[in-house]
Protein backbone atom coordinates (compact mmCIF):
# COMPACT_ATOMS: atom_id res chain seq x y z
CA MET A 1 -20.86 4.63 10.67
CA THR A 2 -23.10 3.33 7.21
CA ALA A 3 -20.58 2.32 4.39
CA PRO A 4 -21.45 4.35 1.10
CA ALA A 5 -22.20 2.25 -1.65
CA THR A 6 -19.26 3.44 -4.05
CA LEU A 7 -15.78 4.44 -3.44
CA GLN A 8 -13.32 7.06 -5.45
CA VAL A 9 -9.95 5.93 -5.18
CA SER A 10 -6.86 7.46 -6.79
CA CYS A 11 -2.71 5.59 -7.18
CA VAL A 12 -0.32 7.77 -7.71
CA GLN A 13 2.97 6.27 -9.32
CA LEU A 14 5.72 8.45 -8.36
CA HIS A 15 9.48 7.70 -8.61
CA TRP A 16 11.31 5.71 -6.11
CA ALA A 17 14.68 7.56 -5.42
CA ARG A 18 14.33 11.05 -5.12
CA SER A 19 15.10 13.32 -2.68
CA LEU A 20 12.72 13.78 0.71
CA ALA A 21 11.77 17.75 -0.58
CA TYR A 22 10.91 16.55 -4.06
CA ASN A 23 8.84 13.81 -2.84
CA LEU A 24 7.36 15.69 -0.12
CA ASP A 25 6.52 18.25 -2.97
CA ARG A 26 5.19 15.42 -5.34
CA THR A 27 2.68 14.58 -2.34
CA ARG A 28 1.16 17.66 -1.73
CA HIS A 29 0.78 18.36 -5.74
CA TYR A 30 -0.99 14.92 -5.88
CA ILE A 31 -3.20 14.91 -2.56
CA ARG A 32 -4.64 18.34 -4.48
CA GLN A 33 -4.87 16.29 -7.37
CA ALA A 34 -7.15 14.15 -5.57
CA ALA A 35 -9.33 16.18 -4.29
CA ALA A 36 -10.22 18.00 -7.45
CA ALA A 37 -10.75 14.46 -9.19
CA GLY A 38 -13.28 14.23 -6.51
CA SER A 39 -11.12 11.21 -4.91
CA ARG A 40 -11.95 10.57 -1.29
CA VAL A 41 -8.90 8.48 -0.83
CA VAL A 42 -5.69 8.64 -2.38
CA LEU A 43 -2.94 5.60 -2.08
CA PHE A 44 0.95 6.77 -2.43
CA PRO A 45 3.42 4.02 -3.51
CA GLU A 46 5.91 2.12 -0.98
CA THR A 47 8.25 4.49 0.74
CA SER A 48 6.93 7.47 -0.49
CA LEU A 49 8.14 10.02 1.87
CA THR A 50 11.65 9.24 2.11
CA GLY A 51 12.15 7.39 -1.11
CA TYR A 52 13.58 3.33 -1.14
CA TYR A 53 16.94 4.56 -2.64
CA PHE A 54 18.97 3.05 0.83
CA PRO A 55 22.33 4.91 0.43
CA ASP A 56 20.10 8.44 0.54
CA VAL A 57 18.01 7.13 2.94
CA VAL A 58 20.56 6.01 5.82
CA ARG A 59 21.83 9.99 5.51
CA LEU A 60 18.14 11.37 5.96
CA GLU A 61 17.64 12.73 10.15
CA PRO A 62 14.94 11.11 11.85
CA ARG A 63 13.24 14.97 12.63
CA ASP A 64 12.96 15.56 8.74
CA ILE A 65 11.03 12.05 8.09
CA GLN A 66 9.01 12.94 10.77
CA ALA A 67 8.51 16.61 9.48
CA ALA A 68 7.35 15.15 5.87
CA LEU A 69 5.02 12.89 7.44
CA ASP A 70 3.40 16.33 9.75
CA HIS A 71 3.02 18.10 6.70
CA THR A 72 1.69 15.37 4.90
CA CYS A 73 -1.17 15.04 7.36
CA ARG A 74 -2.22 18.84 7.43
CA ALA A 75 -2.08 18.80 3.48
CA ALA A 76 -4.62 15.35 3.87
CA ALA A 77 -6.55 17.91 6.34
CA GLU A 78 -6.50 20.72 3.83
CA ALA A 79 -7.82 18.73 1.31
CA GLY A 80 -10.25 16.89 3.34
CA LEU A 81 -9.38 13.39 2.12
CA TRP A 82 -7.54 9.83 3.30
CA VAL A 83 -3.93 9.59 2.46
CA ILE A 84 -2.02 6.43 2.58
CA ALA A 85 1.53 7.50 2.61
CA GLY A 86 4.83 5.52 3.56
CA SER A 87 8.17 6.25 4.93
CA LEU A 88 11.16 3.95 6.19
CA ARG A 89 11.42 5.10 10.23
CA PRO A 90 14.67 4.30 11.99
CA THR A 91 13.84 2.23 15.31
CA ALA A 92 16.57 1.19 18.10
CA ASP A 93 16.66 -2.00 16.02
CA ARG A 94 17.06 -1.02 12.23
CA TYR A 95 14.21 0.51 10.38
CA LEU A 96 10.82 -0.44 9.57
CA ASN A 97 8.59 -0.23 6.25
CA LEU A 98 5.64 1.75 6.88
CA ALA A 99 2.02 2.41 5.49
CA HIS A 100 0.33 5.39 7.38
CA VAL A 101 -3.27 5.81 6.85
CA ILE A 102 -4.17 9.26 7.39
CA SER A 103 -7.67 10.17 8.04
CA PRO A 104 -9.65 13.33 6.86
CA ARG A 105 -8.78 15.07 9.69
CA GLY A 106 -4.96 14.82 9.27
CA GLU A 107 -4.15 12.36 11.74
CA ILE A 108 -2.43 8.96 11.62
CA VAL A 109 -5.06 6.18 12.09
CA HIS A 110 -3.23 3.16 11.64
CA GLU A 111 0.08 2.11 10.45
CA TYR A 112 1.53 -1.23 9.23
CA ALA A 113 4.72 -2.31 9.06
CA LYS A 114 6.04 -4.42 5.90
CA ILE A 115 6.37 -7.94 7.09
CA HIS A 116 7.97 -10.20 3.89
CA LEU A 117 11.17 -7.70 2.94
CA ALA A 118 12.96 -7.76 -0.45
CA GLY A 119 16.39 -6.97 -1.80
CA ARG A 120 19.63 -6.92 -0.26
CA ASP A 121 19.43 -3.52 0.97
CA GLU A 122 16.38 -3.67 2.81
CA GLN A 123 17.05 -7.29 4.25
CA ARG A 124 20.09 -5.01 5.86
CA TYR A 125 18.44 -2.38 7.10
CA CYS A 126 15.01 -3.03 8.27
CA ARG A 127 13.33 -5.55 10.13
CA GLY A 128 9.78 -6.88 9.14
CA GLY A 129 6.97 -6.17 10.91
CA ASP A 130 4.30 -8.92 13.42
CA LYS A 131 0.69 -7.99 12.55
CA LEU A 132 -1.30 -8.03 9.63
CA SER A 133 -3.98 -4.70 8.79
CA LEU A 134 -7.27 -3.80 9.45
CA PHE A 135 -9.07 -0.44 9.54
CA GLU A 136 -12.00 1.26 8.33
CA ILE A 137 -12.07 4.24 5.86
CA ASP A 138 -15.83 5.50 6.14
CA GLY A 139 -16.96 2.52 7.53
CA ILE A 140 -15.84 0.59 4.65
CA ARG A 141 -12.94 -2.43 5.86
CA CYS A 142 -9.54 -2.40 4.27
CA THR A 143 -6.06 -4.10 4.53
CA LEU A 144 -3.23 -3.01 3.41
CA ALA A 145 0.28 -4.97 1.93
CA ILE A 146 3.73 -3.53 0.93
CA CYS A 147 5.08 -4.35 -2.20
CA ARG A 148 6.71 -8.54 -1.70
CA ASP A 149 3.79 -8.99 0.72
CA GLY A 150 1.52 -9.52 -2.18
CA ARG A 151 3.33 -12.65 -2.88
CA HIS A 152 2.29 -14.30 0.30
CA PRO A 153 -1.49 -14.36 0.46
CA GLU A 154 -3.03 -15.28 4.02
CA VAL A 155 -1.27 -11.23 4.63
CA TYR A 156 -4.47 -9.65 2.63
CA ARG A 157 -6.74 -13.11 2.73
CA LEU A 158 -7.19 -13.44 6.45
CA PRO A 159 -8.53 -9.79 6.94
CA ALA A 160 -10.57 -10.35 3.93
CA MET A 161 -11.96 -12.79 6.04
CA LEU A 162 -12.73 -10.43 8.75
CA GLY A 163 -14.33 -7.91 6.25
CA ALA A 164 -11.31 -6.37 4.32
CA GLN A 165 -13.09 -5.13 0.74
CA ILE A 166 -10.33 -3.20 -0.09
CA LEU A 167 -6.28 -4.13 -0.48
CA PHE A 168 -4.24 -0.97 -0.70
CA HIS A 169 -0.82 -2.09 -2.05
CA PRO A 170 1.90 0.52 -1.85
CA SER A 171 5.01 -1.33 -3.80
CA CYS A 172 8.14 -0.23 -5.36
CA SER A 173 9.19 -3.01 -7.93
CA SER A 174 13.15 -1.53 -8.28
CA ASP A 175 15.11 -4.30 -9.71
CA GLU A 176 18.02 -4.95 -12.42
CA LEU A 177 16.72 -4.12 -15.69
CA GLU A 178 16.39 -7.14 -16.98
CA ALA A 179 13.89 -8.64 -13.69
CA VAL A 180 12.34 -5.46 -14.43
CA VAL A 181 11.59 -5.85 -18.11
CA TRP A 182 10.93 -9.41 -17.30
CA LYS A 183 8.00 -8.05 -14.57
CA ARG A 184 6.68 -5.32 -17.56
CA THR A 185 5.95 -8.41 -19.94
CA SER A 186 4.93 -11.25 -17.53
CA GLY A 187 2.76 -8.98 -15.67
CA ARG A 188 4.20 -10.04 -12.39
CA ALA A 189 4.87 -6.92 -10.94
CA GLN A 190 1.97 -7.40 -8.82
CA LEU A 191 -0.74 -9.82 -9.11
CA PRO A 192 -4.16 -9.15 -8.63
CA ALA A 193 -5.62 -10.67 -5.75
CA GLY A 194 -9.09 -10.46 -6.57
CA PRO A 195 -9.50 -13.58 -8.39
CA THR A 196 -7.87 -15.59 -5.29
CA THR A 197 -10.54 -13.15 -2.65
CA ARG A 198 -12.73 -11.14 -4.30
CA ILE A 199 -12.03 -7.80 -3.28
CA PHE A 200 -10.46 -4.67 -5.11
CA HIS A 201 -6.99 -4.67 -5.43
CA CYS A 202 -5.43 -0.83 -5.64
CA VAL A 203 -1.41 -0.85 -6.76
CA ALA A 204 0.69 2.55 -6.31
CA ASN A 205 4.09 1.25 -7.87
CA THR A 206 6.49 3.34 -8.72
CA VAL A 207 8.96 4.05 -11.82
CA GLY A 208 12.34 5.78 -12.94
CA GLN A 209 16.29 4.58 -12.41
CA SER A 210 18.24 4.81 -9.23
CA PRO A 211 21.36 7.74 -9.08
CA ASP A 212 23.80 4.99 -10.29
CA GLY A 213 22.09 3.77 -13.05
CA ARG A 214 21.44 0.35 -11.97
CA GLN A 215 18.30 -0.57 -11.10
CA SER A 216 14.66 0.97 -12.38
CA SER A 217 11.07 0.09 -11.72
CA SER A 218 8.32 -1.16 -13.24
CA GLY A 219 5.86 1.20 -13.16
CA GLN A 220 2.17 -0.66 -14.13
CA SER A 221 -0.08 0.52 -10.77
CA PHE A 222 -3.77 -0.05 -10.99
CA ILE A 223 -7.14 -0.28 -9.45
CA ARG A 224 -8.78 -3.93 -10.34
CA ASN A 225 -12.12 -5.36 -9.64
CA PRO A 226 -12.50 -8.20 -7.14
CA ASP A 227 -12.72 -10.16 -10.27
CA GLY A 228 -9.30 -9.11 -11.22
CA LEU A 229 -10.41 -7.18 -14.78
CA PRO A 230 -8.80 -3.64 -14.35
CA LEU A 231 -10.29 -0.37 -13.52
CA ALA A 232 -7.65 2.11 -14.61
CA GLU A 233 -3.86 1.23 -14.92
CA ALA A 234 -0.58 3.17 -15.38
CA GLY A 235 2.58 3.52 -17.41
CA TRP A 236 5.88 2.07 -17.04
CA TYR A 237 7.90 5.05 -17.01
CA GLN A 238 5.82 8.42 -16.07
CA GLU A 239 4.77 9.61 -13.05
CA GLU A 240 1.27 10.02 -13.08
CA MET A 241 -2.19 8.92 -11.11
CA ILE A 242 -4.91 6.85 -11.82
CA THR A 243 -8.69 7.00 -10.51
CA ALA A 244 -11.73 4.60 -10.18
CA VAL A 245 -14.98 4.17 -8.62
CA LEU A 246 -15.24 0.98 -6.59
CA GLU A 247 -18.81 -0.24 -6.73
CA LEU A 248 -18.23 -2.08 -3.01
CA ALA A 249 -21.08 -4.52 -3.52
CA ARG A 250 -18.71 -6.42 -5.86
CA ALA A 251 -16.30 -7.07 -3.23
CA ASP A 252 -18.23 -9.68 -1.75
CA ARG A 253 -15.29 -11.84 -0.49
CA LYS A 254 -16.57 -14.87 -1.87
CA TYR A 255 -13.37 -17.08 -1.91
CA ALA A 256 -12.24 -16.01 1.37
CA LEU A 257 -14.91 -16.94 2.68
CA ASP A 258 -15.02 -20.57 1.25
CA SER A 259 -12.44 -21.16 2.65
CA LEU A 260 -13.92 -20.91 6.42
CA ASN A 261 -15.49 -24.04 5.51
CA ASP A 262 -13.67 -25.85 3.15
CA PRO A 263 -12.01 -28.35 3.86
CA PRO A 264 -13.31 -29.13 6.85
CA PHE A 265 -10.78 -30.42 8.77
CA LEU A 266 -8.93 -26.64 8.82
CA LYS A 267 -12.60 -25.02 10.12
CA PRO A 268 -11.63 -25.21 13.85
CA TYR A 269 -8.30 -23.32 13.24
CA TRP A 270 -9.63 -20.13 11.44
CA GLU A 271 -11.47 -18.88 14.58
CA PRO A 272 -8.49 -18.49 17.00
CA MET A 273 -6.14 -16.75 13.85
CA LEU A 274 -8.90 -14.56 12.88
CA ARG A 275 -9.04 -13.64 16.81
CA ALA A 276 -5.45 -12.76 16.72
CA VAL A 277 -4.99 -10.66 13.53
CA ALA A 278 -8.27 -9.11 14.74
CA GLU A 279 -6.51 -8.06 18.44
CA ARG A 280 -3.33 -7.14 16.88
CA ALA A 281 -4.28 -5.01 13.90
CA ASP A 282 -4.39 -1.79 16.47
CA ARG A 283 -1.06 -2.24 17.48
CA LYS A 284 1.49 0.50 16.34
CA PRO A 285 4.77 -0.84 15.09
CA GLU A 286 7.40 0.07 16.82
């Protein structure tokens, strides 16, 4: 497939501690909104279907989580666009924090499990994944990082070396209020990947308080150019959708590619690492 010159992307900002039924309803709503806006891809936050509030998540039935994902796949097919949604999926050994890439045919074509776990509850209930993300949307190579993964540049720099031009970054930056305010004022909730890779960076973050009022989330979803400058930004408090057109020629991956040659003593090690990333990319997280 010949890749297009541009790609219109929408990022949805949702509450992080709502019910499965509420989340599914909002997911369907924003899939329709993104399609109406002319977007080809819509990105939802980390664990967008199940939510990230573990006292509620651990009471969910696996069949209900799967049913919500099935409904999301049907909504993607009805709208005819790519959907990236998230869930916490129980396994025989704890939960996986997953991003599901759903094609315009309503098929899950790629899944990625969060590697770097954050927060006491996630570290208690989840285990990390064991691959990096590399997949295609309409012939455009892309990659995924989930929330804390963005603190570890190798998660997206290695896929960028292999051709990824877009980093899709679902997030839930929930924390105590003092930490959330600090993230907002410092701009630290998610740091742009473009200035170290020269790829596009699309973040869908969360908003709102936990039911016990102890935690909040920082909002500030964004879509940024490969130079790190914003194309679209969301607010701090409200659920909303932002949209931007990505001019793909701008994502030349120059900074990531430069690392393949310099410093020279590292050059022999890149090829086996990149081969391992590519070989694992299609493995289903289990």
